[in-house]
Structures are given as C-alpha cells and as structure tokens.
Amino acid sequence: MTKLGLLARIEAKPEYAEKVEGLLRDALELARQEDHTVTWFAFRQGDTTFGVFDTFEDEEGRQGHLQGRIAAALMEAAGTMLSEAPDIRPVDLLAVKLP
C-alpha cells in the first residue's frame, strides 16, 4: 500500500514562471524512470506558485527520490529561477484511492 509522500511548494520568480512550468513538465519522464515512485503529480497554483506531490511505498523509495534527478534539477534551478528554496515536506498518507 502507498503510505508515504512528499509535498513540495515551488515559488518561481515571475520572469521564470514559464521555464519552471517547462522544467516540471519535462520532469514527468524522470519520474516515470524511478522504480520506487508510485505516483507523481506536478501542478500550478497561480502565476508563480507550483507544486509537486508524489507517493512511495516505503522510506527507501522516498529517500531515493529526494536524492534523484528531479530534486537535483530543482535545486539547480533554485539559484536562478526560484524566489526561494523549494519547500519539500514529507507526509504520511492516511487514506488512498488509486485506479
């Protein structure tokens, strides 16, 4: 059962909002390559606010994702395209409905 997740809030500088959107869209392929990432969602909440929600079956998968290529790309973008460091928080899932 999927029981662990990560919730990330990403705040782009206004002049880089479209590039951040592109970075997240492109990250989908990287997420598909991660064996331990069960689900992965990137979303936009406003003009410059983005987020990622992903789920894992165990802590090993969650930690592996945090050490992976998507996290590295976000941290690389942080200095230029983001107005602050991404706020990435672990979450414990209480209930899940998947297809």
N, C-alpha and C. Protein backbone atom coordinates (compact mmCIF):
# COMPACT_ATOMS: atom_id res chain seq x y z
N MET A 1 0.83 -1.19 0.00
CA MET A 1 0.00 0.00 0.00
C MET A 1 0.88 1.25 0.00
N THR A 2 0.46 2.22 -0.76
CA THR A 2 1.16 3.51 -0.78
C THR A 2 0.86 4.23 0.52
N LYS A 3 1.91 4.54 1.29
CA LYS A 3 1.66 5.15 2.59
C LYS A 3 2.51 6.38 2.90
N LEU A 4 3.47 6.69 2.03
CA LEU A 4 4.33 7.84 2.26
C LEU A 4 4.30 8.77 1.06
N GLY A 5 4.54 10.05 1.32
CA GLY A 5 4.55 11.00 0.22
C GLY A 5 5.49 12.16 0.48
N LEU A 6 5.59 13.00 -0.52
CA LEU A 6 6.28 14.27 -0.42
C LEU A 6 5.38 15.34 -1.02
N LEU A 7 5.34 16.48 -0.39
CA LEU A 7 4.60 17.63 -0.91
C LEU A 7 5.58 18.79 -1.00
N ALA A 8 5.77 19.28 -2.21
CA ALA A 8 6.73 20.37 -2.44
C ALA A 8 6.00 21.60 -2.94
N ARG A 9 6.37 22.74 -2.39
CA ARG A 9 5.88 24.04 -2.86
C ARG A 9 7.05 24.75 -3.50
N ILE A 10 6.83 25.25 -4.72
CA ILE A 10 7.89 25.86 -5.51
C ILE A 10 7.42 27.24 -5.94
N GLU A 11 8.17 28.26 -5.57
CA GLU A 11 7.82 29.64 -5.90
C GLU A 11 8.81 30.19 -6.92
N ALA A 12 8.33 30.42 -8.14
CA ALA A 12 9.19 30.91 -9.22
C ALA A 12 9.28 32.43 -9.19
N LYS A 13 10.41 32.94 -9.65
CA LYS A 13 10.50 34.37 -9.93
C LYS A 13 9.57 34.63 -11.11
N PRO A 14 8.84 35.75 -11.12
CA PRO A 14 7.85 35.99 -12.18
C PRO A 14 8.41 35.83 -13.59
N GLU A 15 9.61 36.29 -13.82
CA GLU A 15 10.19 36.21 -15.17
C GLU A 15 10.60 34.79 -15.57
N TYR A 16 10.57 33.86 -14.63
CA TYR A 16 10.94 32.47 -14.92
C TYR A 16 9.78 31.48 -14.76
N ALA A 17 8.58 31.97 -14.54
CA ALA A 17 7.45 31.08 -14.28
C ALA A 17 7.23 30.07 -15.40
N GLU A 18 7.32 30.50 -16.63
CA GLU A 18 7.09 29.57 -17.75
C GLU A 18 8.21 28.54 -17.85
N LYS A 19 9.43 28.94 -17.53
CA LYS A 19 10.54 27.99 -17.55
C LYS A 19 10.40 26.96 -16.44
N VAL A 20 9.93 27.39 -15.27
CA VAL A 20 9.69 26.44 -14.18
C VAL A 20 8.59 25.46 -14.58
N GLU A 21 7.54 25.97 -15.20
CA GLU A 21 6.49 25.07 -15.69
C GLU A 21 7.07 24.04 -16.65
N GLY A 22 7.90 24.47 -17.56
CA GLY A 22 8.53 23.55 -18.50
C GLY A 22 9.41 22.53 -17.81
N LEU A 23 10.15 22.97 -16.81
CA LEU A 23 11.01 22.06 -16.05
C LEU A 23 10.18 20.97 -15.40
N LEU A 24 9.04 21.35 -14.82
CA LEU A 24 8.18 20.36 -14.17
C LEU A 24 7.53 19.43 -15.18
N ARG A 25 7.10 19.96 -16.30
CA ARG A 25 6.52 19.10 -17.35
C ARG A 25 7.56 18.09 -17.84
N ASP A 26 8.77 18.54 -18.04
CA ASP A 26 9.84 17.65 -18.50
C ASP A 26 10.23 16.62 -17.44
N ALA A 27 10.04 16.95 -16.17
CA ALA A 27 10.40 16.03 -15.09
C ALA A 27 9.51 14.79 -15.05
N LEU A 28 8.37 14.83 -15.71
CA LEU A 28 7.49 13.65 -15.73
C LEU A 28 8.23 12.42 -16.25
N GLU A 29 9.02 12.58 -17.28
CA GLU A 29 9.76 11.43 -17.83
C GLU A 29 10.76 10.89 -16.81
N LEU A 30 11.38 11.77 -16.05
CA LEU A 30 12.30 11.33 -15.00
C LEU A 30 11.54 10.56 -13.92
N ALA A 31 10.36 11.05 -13.55
CA ALA A 31 9.56 10.36 -12.54
C ALA A 31 9.16 8.97 -13.02
N ARG A 32 8.85 8.84 -14.29
CA ARG A 32 8.48 7.53 -14.85
C ARG A 32 9.63 6.53 -14.76
N GLN A 33 10.85 7.02 -14.74
CA GLN A 33 12.02 6.15 -14.68
C GLN A 33 12.36 5.72 -13.26
N GLU A 34 11.73 6.31 -12.26
CA GLU A 34 12.01 5.97 -10.87
C GLU A 34 11.13 4.78 -10.45
N ASP A 35 11.76 3.66 -10.19
CA ASP A 35 11.02 2.45 -9.84
C ASP A 35 10.21 2.58 -8.56
N HIS A 36 10.68 3.37 -7.61
CA HIS A 36 10.02 3.44 -6.31
C HIS A 36 9.04 4.60 -6.16
N THR A 37 8.90 5.42 -7.19
CA THR A 37 7.90 6.48 -7.17
C THR A 37 6.60 5.91 -7.71
N VAL A 38 5.59 5.80 -6.84
CA VAL A 38 4.32 5.18 -7.23
C VAL A 38 3.49 6.15 -8.06
N THR A 39 3.29 7.36 -7.54
CA THR A 39 2.56 8.39 -8.28
C THR A 39 3.36 9.69 -8.20
N TRP A 40 3.18 10.53 -9.22
CA TRP A 40 3.90 11.81 -9.27
C TRP A 40 3.01 12.82 -9.97
N PHE A 41 2.76 13.93 -9.31
CA PHE A 41 1.91 14.99 -9.84
C PHE A 41 2.64 16.31 -9.74
N ALA A 42 2.68 17.06 -10.82
CA ALA A 42 3.17 18.44 -10.80
C ALA A 42 1.97 19.33 -11.08
N PHE A 43 1.88 20.45 -10.38
CA PHE A 43 0.71 21.31 -10.56
C PHE A 43 1.10 22.77 -10.41
N ARG A 44 0.20 23.63 -10.85
CA ARG A 44 0.38 25.08 -10.75
C ARG A 44 -0.77 25.62 -9.92
N GLN A 45 -0.45 26.50 -8.96
CA GLN A 45 -1.46 27.08 -8.08
C GLN A 45 -1.73 28.54 -8.38
N GLY A 46 -0.97 29.14 -9.20
CA GLY A 46 -1.13 30.56 -9.50
C GLY A 46 -0.09 30.98 -10.51
N ASP A 47 0.10 32.26 -10.65
CA ASP A 47 1.05 32.76 -11.64
C ASP A 47 2.47 32.26 -11.43
N THR A 48 2.90 32.20 -10.18
CA THR A 48 4.29 31.84 -9.89
C THR A 48 4.44 30.69 -8.90
N THR A 49 3.35 30.13 -8.44
CA THR A 49 3.39 29.07 -7.43
C THR A 49 3.10 27.72 -8.07
N PHE A 50 4.01 26.79 -7.83
CA PHE A 50 3.90 25.44 -8.37
C PHE A 50 4.03 24.44 -7.22
N GLY A 51 3.72 23.20 -7.52
CA GLY A 51 3.88 22.17 -6.51
C GLY A 51 4.10 20.82 -7.15
N VAL A 52 4.59 19.91 -6.32
CA VAL A 52 4.74 18.51 -6.71
C VAL A 52 4.26 17.67 -5.54
N PHE A 53 3.46 16.66 -5.85
CA PHE A 53 3.04 15.67 -4.86
C PHE A 53 3.37 14.30 -5.42
N ASP A 54 4.08 13.51 -4.64
CA ASP A 54 4.41 12.17 -5.09
C ASP A 54 4.30 11.19 -3.94
N THR A 55 4.15 9.90 -4.29
CA THR A 55 3.93 8.89 -3.27
C THR A 55 4.90 7.72 -3.44
N PHE A 56 5.09 7.02 -2.32
CA PHE A 56 6.06 5.93 -2.23
C PHE A 56 5.53 4.86 -1.30
N GLU A 57 6.00 3.64 -1.49
CA GLU A 57 5.58 2.55 -0.62
C GLU A 57 6.41 2.45 0.64
N ASP A 58 7.63 2.99 0.61
CA ASP A 58 8.48 2.89 1.79
C ASP A 58 9.45 4.07 1.85
N GLU A 59 10.10 4.18 2.99
CA GLU A 59 11.03 5.29 3.22
C GLU A 59 12.23 5.24 2.27
N GLU A 60 12.65 4.04 1.92
CA GLU A 60 13.77 3.90 0.98
C GLU A 60 13.44 4.55 -0.36
N GLY A 61 12.22 4.34 -0.83
CA GLY A 61 11.80 4.96 -2.09
C GLY A 61 11.72 6.47 -1.98
N ARG A 62 11.20 6.95 -0.86
CA ARG A 62 11.09 8.39 -0.67
C ARG A 62 12.48 9.03 -0.62
N GLN A 63 13.39 8.43 0.12
CA GLN A 63 14.74 8.99 0.21
C GLN A 63 15.47 8.90 -1.12
N GLY A 64 15.25 7.82 -1.85
CA GLY A 64 15.86 7.69 -3.16
C GLY A 64 15.40 8.79 -4.10
N HIS A 65 14.12 9.12 -4.02
CA HIS A 65 13.59 10.20 -4.86
C HIS A 65 14.22 11.55 -4.49
N LEU A 66 14.39 11.78 -3.20
CA LEU A 66 15.00 13.03 -2.74
C LEU A 66 16.45 13.16 -3.20
N GLN A 67 17.09 12.04 -3.47
CA GLN A 67 18.47 12.05 -3.96
C GLN A 67 18.54 11.95 -5.49
N GLY A 68 17.38 11.96 -6.15
CA GLY A 68 17.32 11.70 -7.58
C GLY A 68 17.47 12.93 -8.46
N ARG A 69 17.23 12.70 -9.73
CA ARG A 69 17.47 13.72 -10.76
C ARG A 69 16.46 14.87 -10.71
N ILE A 70 15.22 14.61 -10.31
CA ILE A 70 14.23 15.69 -10.23
C ILE A 70 14.62 16.68 -9.14
N ALA A 71 14.96 16.15 -7.96
CA ALA A 71 15.37 17.02 -6.85
C ALA A 71 16.62 17.80 -7.23
N ALA A 72 17.55 17.16 -7.91
CA ALA A 72 18.78 17.85 -8.33
C ALA A 72 18.46 18.98 -9.30
N ALA A 73 17.54 18.75 -10.23
CA ALA A 73 17.15 19.80 -11.18
C ALA A 73 16.49 20.98 -10.47
N LEU A 74 15.65 20.68 -9.48
CA LEU A 74 15.00 21.76 -8.72
C LEU A 74 16.03 22.58 -7.95
N MET A 75 16.96 21.91 -7.32
CA MET A 75 17.96 22.64 -6.54
C MET A 75 18.87 23.46 -7.45
N GLU A 76 19.15 22.95 -8.64
CA GLU A 76 19.95 23.71 -9.60
C GLU A 76 19.20 24.96 -10.05
N ALA A 77 17.90 24.83 -10.25
CA ALA A 77 17.07 25.96 -10.68
C ALA A 77 16.87 26.99 -9.57
N ALA A 78 17.00 26.55 -8.33
CA ALA A 78 16.68 27.42 -7.20
C ALA A 78 17.46 28.73 -7.23
N GLY A 79 18.72 28.68 -7.58
CA GLY A 79 19.53 29.89 -7.55
C GLY A 79 19.14 30.93 -8.58
N THR A 80 18.59 30.49 -9.69
CA THR A 80 18.27 31.39 -10.79
C THR A 80 16.79 31.65 -10.94
N MET A 81 16.00 30.58 -11.01
CA MET A 81 14.60 30.68 -11.39
C MET A 81 13.61 30.78 -10.24
N LEU A 82 14.03 30.43 -9.04
CA LEU A 82 13.10 30.42 -7.91
C LEU A 82 13.35 31.60 -6.99
N SER A 83 12.28 32.10 -6.39
CA SER A 83 12.41 33.22 -5.47
C SER A 83 12.83 32.77 -4.07
N GLU A 84 12.74 31.47 -3.81
CA GLU A 84 13.16 30.89 -2.54
C GLU A 84 13.42 29.40 -2.77
N ALA A 85 14.08 28.77 -1.84
CA ALA A 85 14.34 27.33 -1.96
C ALA A 85 13.01 26.58 -1.94
N PRO A 86 12.90 25.49 -2.68
CA PRO A 86 11.67 24.70 -2.64
C PRO A 86 11.38 24.23 -1.20
N ASP A 87 10.12 24.27 -0.81
CA ASP A 87 9.69 23.80 0.50
C ASP A 87 9.19 22.36 0.30
N ILE A 88 10.02 21.39 0.66
CA ILE A 88 9.70 19.98 0.44
C ILE A 88 9.45 19.34 1.80
N ARG A 89 8.24 18.80 1.96
CA ARG A 89 7.85 18.22 3.24
C ARG A 89 7.40 16.77 3.08
N PRO A 90 7.87 15.90 3.97
CA PRO A 90 7.36 14.53 3.96
C PRO A 90 5.95 14.49 4.53
N VAL A 91 5.13 13.61 3.99
CA VAL A 91 3.77 13.43 4.50
C VAL A 91 3.51 11.93 4.66
N ASP A 92 2.68 11.60 5.64
CA ASP A 92 2.20 10.24 5.83
C ASP A 92 0.77 10.19 5.31
N LEU A 93 0.50 9.27 4.40
CA LEU A 93 -0.83 9.18 3.80
C LEU A 93 -1.77 8.41 4.72
N LEU A 94 -2.94 8.96 4.94
CA LEU A 94 -3.93 8.33 5.81
C LEU A 94 -4.89 7.43 5.05
N ALA A 95 -5.25 7.84 3.85
CA ALA A 95 -6.16 7.07 3.00
C ALA A 95 -5.81 7.36 1.55
N VAL A 96 -5.94 6.36 0.71
CA VAL A 96 -5.54 6.49 -0.70
C VAL A 96 -6.58 5.81 -1.58
N LYS A 97 -6.96 6.47 -2.67
CA LYS A 97 -7.79 5.86 -3.71
C LYS A 97 -7.04 6.00 -5.02
N LEU A 98 -6.66 4.90 -5.59
CA LEU A 98 -5.99 4.87 -6.89
C LEU A 98 -6.81 4.03 -7.85
N PRO A 99 -6.66 4.26 -9.16
CA PRO A 99 -7.43 3.45 -10.11
C PRO A 99 -7.03 1.98 -10.06
